[in-house]
Amino acid sequence: MSNKIEVSLPEEELDWIQLRQDLGPVAEVETTKEKLQRKIKENPLVPLGCLATTAALTAGLYNFRTGNRKMSQLMMRSRIAAQGFTVMALVVGVVMTYTDKK
């Protein structure tokens, strides 16, 4: 009497296993910190835009809380501009990455 259990893996799973065996130790695993550093080096304008957005939002909320409506409104408009800058930096970074790979 045999206690073996047969497991059937899908064909795609077997392809991945074979690919990993073929690549061997060549494929390095990137840590989260390394990936973040690489992404910042590839497109440094995105973190800059995020910081600008955060600063404008914080200043706008502070001025709203203290009752300075004029400055609060200016900071909220600045936040929108900073968000637009960030989105454009993302788009430019993606386009540059895509054209470099071709």
C-alpha atoms as a PDB file:
ATOM      1  CA  MET A   1       0.000   0.000   0.000  1.00  0.00           C
ATOM      2  CA  SER A   2       1.530   3.286  -1.121  1.00  0.00           C
ATOM      3  CA  ASN A   3       0.987   6.616   0.665  1.00  0.00           C
ATOM      4  CA  LYS A   4       2.169   8.772  -2.241  1.00  0.00           C
ATOM      5  CA  ILE A   5       0.055  11.714  -3.265  1.00  0.00           C
ATOM      6  CA  GLU A   6       0.380  12.873  -6.818  1.00  0.00           C
ATOM      7  CA  VAL A   7       0.188  16.612  -7.374  1.00  0.00           C
ATOM      8  CA  SER A   8      -0.485  17.982 -10.799  1.00  0.00           C
ATOM      9  CA  LEU A   9       0.988  21.444 -11.459  1.00  0.00           C
ATOM     10  CA  PRO A  10      -0.288  23.653 -14.261  1.00  0.00           C
ATOM     11  CA  GLU A  11       1.994  23.973 -17.283  1.00  0.00           C
ATOM     12  CA  GLU A  12       2.674  27.683 -16.549  1.00  0.00           C
ATOM     13  CA  GLU A  13       3.954  26.823 -13.075  1.00  0.00           C
ATOM     14  CA  LEU A  14       6.377  24.313 -14.532  1.00  0.00           C
ATOM     15  CA  ASP A  15       7.640  26.931 -17.015  1.00  0.00           C
ATOM     16  CA  TRP A  16       8.439  29.340 -14.159  1.00  0.00           C
ATOM     17  CA  ILE A  17      10.225  26.632 -12.218  1.00  0.00           C
ATOM     18  CA  GLN A  18      12.313  25.737 -15.257  1.00  0.00           C
ATOM     19  CA  LEU A  19      13.101  29.413 -15.938  1.00  0.00           C
ATOM     20  CA  ARG A  20      14.293  29.922 -12.354  1.00  0.00           C
ATOM     21  CA  GLN A  21      16.491  26.850 -12.612  1.00  0.00           C
ATOM     22  CA  ASP A  22      17.926  28.044 -15.941  1.00  0.00           C
ATOM     23  CA  LEU A  23      18.724  31.512 -14.597  1.00  0.00           C
ATOM     24  CA  GLY A  24      20.313  30.147 -11.465  1.00  0.00           C
ATOM     25  CA  PRO A  25      22.039  32.600  -9.126  1.00  0.00           C
ATOM     26  CA  VAL A  26      22.220  35.291 -11.846  1.00  0.00           C
ATOM     27  CA  ALA A  27      18.847  36.792 -10.936  1.00  0.00           C
ATOM     28  CA  GLU A  28      19.386  38.899  -7.813  1.00  0.00           C
ATOM     29  CA  VAL A  29      16.541  39.874  -5.531  1.00  0.00           C
ATOM     30  CA  GLU A  30      16.276  43.625  -4.960  1.00  0.00           C
ATOM     31  CA  THR A  31      15.378  44.808  -1.464  1.00  0.00           C
ATOM     32  CA  THR A  32      12.746  47.497  -0.923  1.00  0.00           C
ATOM     33  CA  LYS A  33      15.374  50.047   0.091  1.00  0.00           C
ATOM     34  CA  GLU A  34      17.480  49.322  -3.002  1.00  0.00           C
ATOM     35  CA  LYS A  35      14.417  49.592  -5.225  1.00  0.00           C
ATOM     36  CA  LEU A  36      13.455  52.953  -3.679  1.00  0.00           C
ATOM     37  CA  GLN A  37      16.985  54.287  -4.170  1.00  0.00           C
ATOM     38  CA  ARG A  38      17.028  53.092  -7.787  1.00  0.00           C
ATOM     39  CA  LYS A  39      13.647  54.689  -8.519  1.00  0.00           C
ATOM     40  CA  ILE A  40      14.742  58.006  -6.985  1.00  0.00           C
ATOM     41  CA  LYS A  41      17.913  57.974  -9.112  1.00  0.00           C
ATOM     42  CA  GLU A  42      15.901  57.164 -12.248  1.00  0.00           C
ATOM     43  CA  ASN A  43      13.367  59.957 -11.734  1.00  0.00           C
ATOM     44  CA  PRO A  44      14.363  62.434  -8.985  1.00  0.00           C
ATOM     45  CA  LEU A  45      11.616  64.932  -9.854  1.00  0.00           C
ATOM     46  CA  VAL A  46       8.806  62.707  -8.564  1.00  0.00           C
ATOM     47  CA  PRO A  47       9.945  62.737  -4.899  1.00  0.00           C
ATOM     48  CA  LEU A  48      10.573  66.474  -5.231  1.00  0.00           C
ATOM     49  CA  GLY A  49       7.015  66.970  -6.471  1.00  0.00           C
ATOM     50  CA  CYS A  50       5.652  64.822  -3.638  1.00  0.00           C
ATOM     51  CA  LEU A  51       7.520  66.913  -1.082  1.00  0.00           C
ATOM     52  CA  ALA A  52       6.273  70.145  -2.673  1.00  0.00           C
ATOM     53  CA  THR A  53       2.700  68.832  -2.642  1.00  0.00           C
ATOM     54  CA  THR A  54       2.983  67.820   1.005  1.00  0.00           C
ATOM     55  CA  ALA A  55       4.503  71.169   1.987  1.00  0.00           C
ATOM     56  CA  ALA A  56       1.789  73.156   0.191  1.00  0.00           C
ATOM     57  CA  LEU A  57      -0.956  71.004   1.711  1.00  0.00           C
ATOM     58  CA  THR A  58       0.484  71.330   5.209  1.00  0.00           C
ATOM     59  CA  ALA A  59       0.892  75.111   4.907  1.00  0.00           C
ATOM     60  CA  GLY A  60      -2.604  75.438   3.450  1.00  0.00           C
ATOM     61  CA  LEU A  61      -4.191  73.434   6.248  1.00  0.00           C
ATOM     62  CA  TYR A  62      -2.250  75.385   8.872  1.00  0.00           C
ATOM     63  CA  ASN A  63      -3.391  78.713   7.409  1.00  0.00           C
ATOM     64  CA  PHE A  64      -6.961  77.444   7.153  1.00  0.00           C
ATOM     65  CA  ARG A  65      -6.848  76.448  10.820  1.00  0.00           C
ATOM     66  CA  THR A  66      -5.454  79.837  11.919  1.00  0.00           C
ATOM     67  CA  GLY A  67      -8.039  81.733   9.863  1.00  0.00           C
ATOM     68  CA  ASN A  68      -5.730  83.173   7.197  1.00  0.00           C
ATOM     69  CA  ARG A  69      -8.088  82.484   4.288  1.00  0.00           C
ATOM     70  CA  LYS A  70      -6.117  84.315   1.623  1.00  0.00           C
ATOM     71  CA  MET A  71      -2.894  82.391   2.297  1.00  0.00           C
ATOM     72  CA  SER A  72      -4.838  79.142   2.692  1.00  0.00           C
ATOM     73  CA  GLN A  73      -6.389  79.615  -0.757  1.00  0.00           C
ATOM     74  CA  LEU A  74      -2.968  80.413  -2.248  1.00  0.00           C
ATOM     75  CA  MET A  75      -1.467  77.268  -0.702  1.00  0.00           C
ATOM     76  CA  MET A  76      -4.292  75.082  -1.992  1.00  0.00           C
ATOM     77  CA  ARG A  77      -3.678  76.440  -5.490  1.00  0.00           C
ATOM     78  CA  SER A  78       0.025  75.804  -5.015  1.00  0.00           C
ATOM     79  CA  ARG A  79      -0.812  72.239  -4.020  1.00  0.00           C
ATOM     80  CA  ILE A  80      -2.680  71.736  -7.284  1.00  0.00           C
ATOM     81  CA  ALA A  81       0.308  73.078  -9.219  1.00  0.00           C
ATOM     82  CA  ALA A  82       2.665  70.787  -7.303  1.00  0.00           C
ATOM     83  CA  GLN A  83       0.411  67.796  -7.997  1.00  0.00           C
ATOM     84  CA  GLY A  84       0.405  68.683 -11.690  1.00  0.00           C
ATOM     85  CA  PHE A  85       4.201  68.882 -11.622  1.00  0.00           C
ATOM     86  CA  THR A  86       4.377  65.461  -9.965  1.00  0.00           C
ATOM     87  CA  VAL A  87       2.071  63.866 -12.539  1.00  0.00           C
ATOM     88  CA  MET A  88       4.067  65.389 -15.397  1.00  0.00           C
ATOM     89  CA  ALA A  89       7.308  64.119 -13.823  1.00  0.00           C
ATOM     90  CA  LEU A  90       5.777  60.628 -13.635  1.00  0.00           C
ATOM     91  CA  VAL A  91       4.705  60.736 -17.281  1.00  0.00           C
ATOM     92  CA  VAL A  92       8.096  62.018 -18.450  1.00  0.00           C
ATOM     93  CA  GLY A  93       9.854  59.338 -16.374  1.00  0.00           C
ATOM     94  CA  VAL A  94       7.718  56.561 -17.840  1.00  0.00           C
ATOM     95  CA  VAL A  95       8.267  57.818 -21.392  1.00  0.00           C
ATOM     96  CA  MET A  96      12.018  58.087 -20.843  1.00  0.00           C
ATOM     97  CA  THR A  97      12.171  54.601 -19.349  1.00  0.00           C
ATOM     98  CA  TYR A  98      10.130  53.170 -22.218  1.00  0.00           C
ATOM     99  CA  THR A  99      12.298  54.822 -24.896  1.00  0.00           C
ATOM    100  CA  ASP A 100      15.521  53.686 -23.155  1.00  0.00           C
ATOM    101  CA  LYS A 101      14.376  50.063 -23.244  1.00  0.00           C
ATOM    102  CA  LYS A 102      13.773  50.198 -26.997  1.00  0.00           C
END
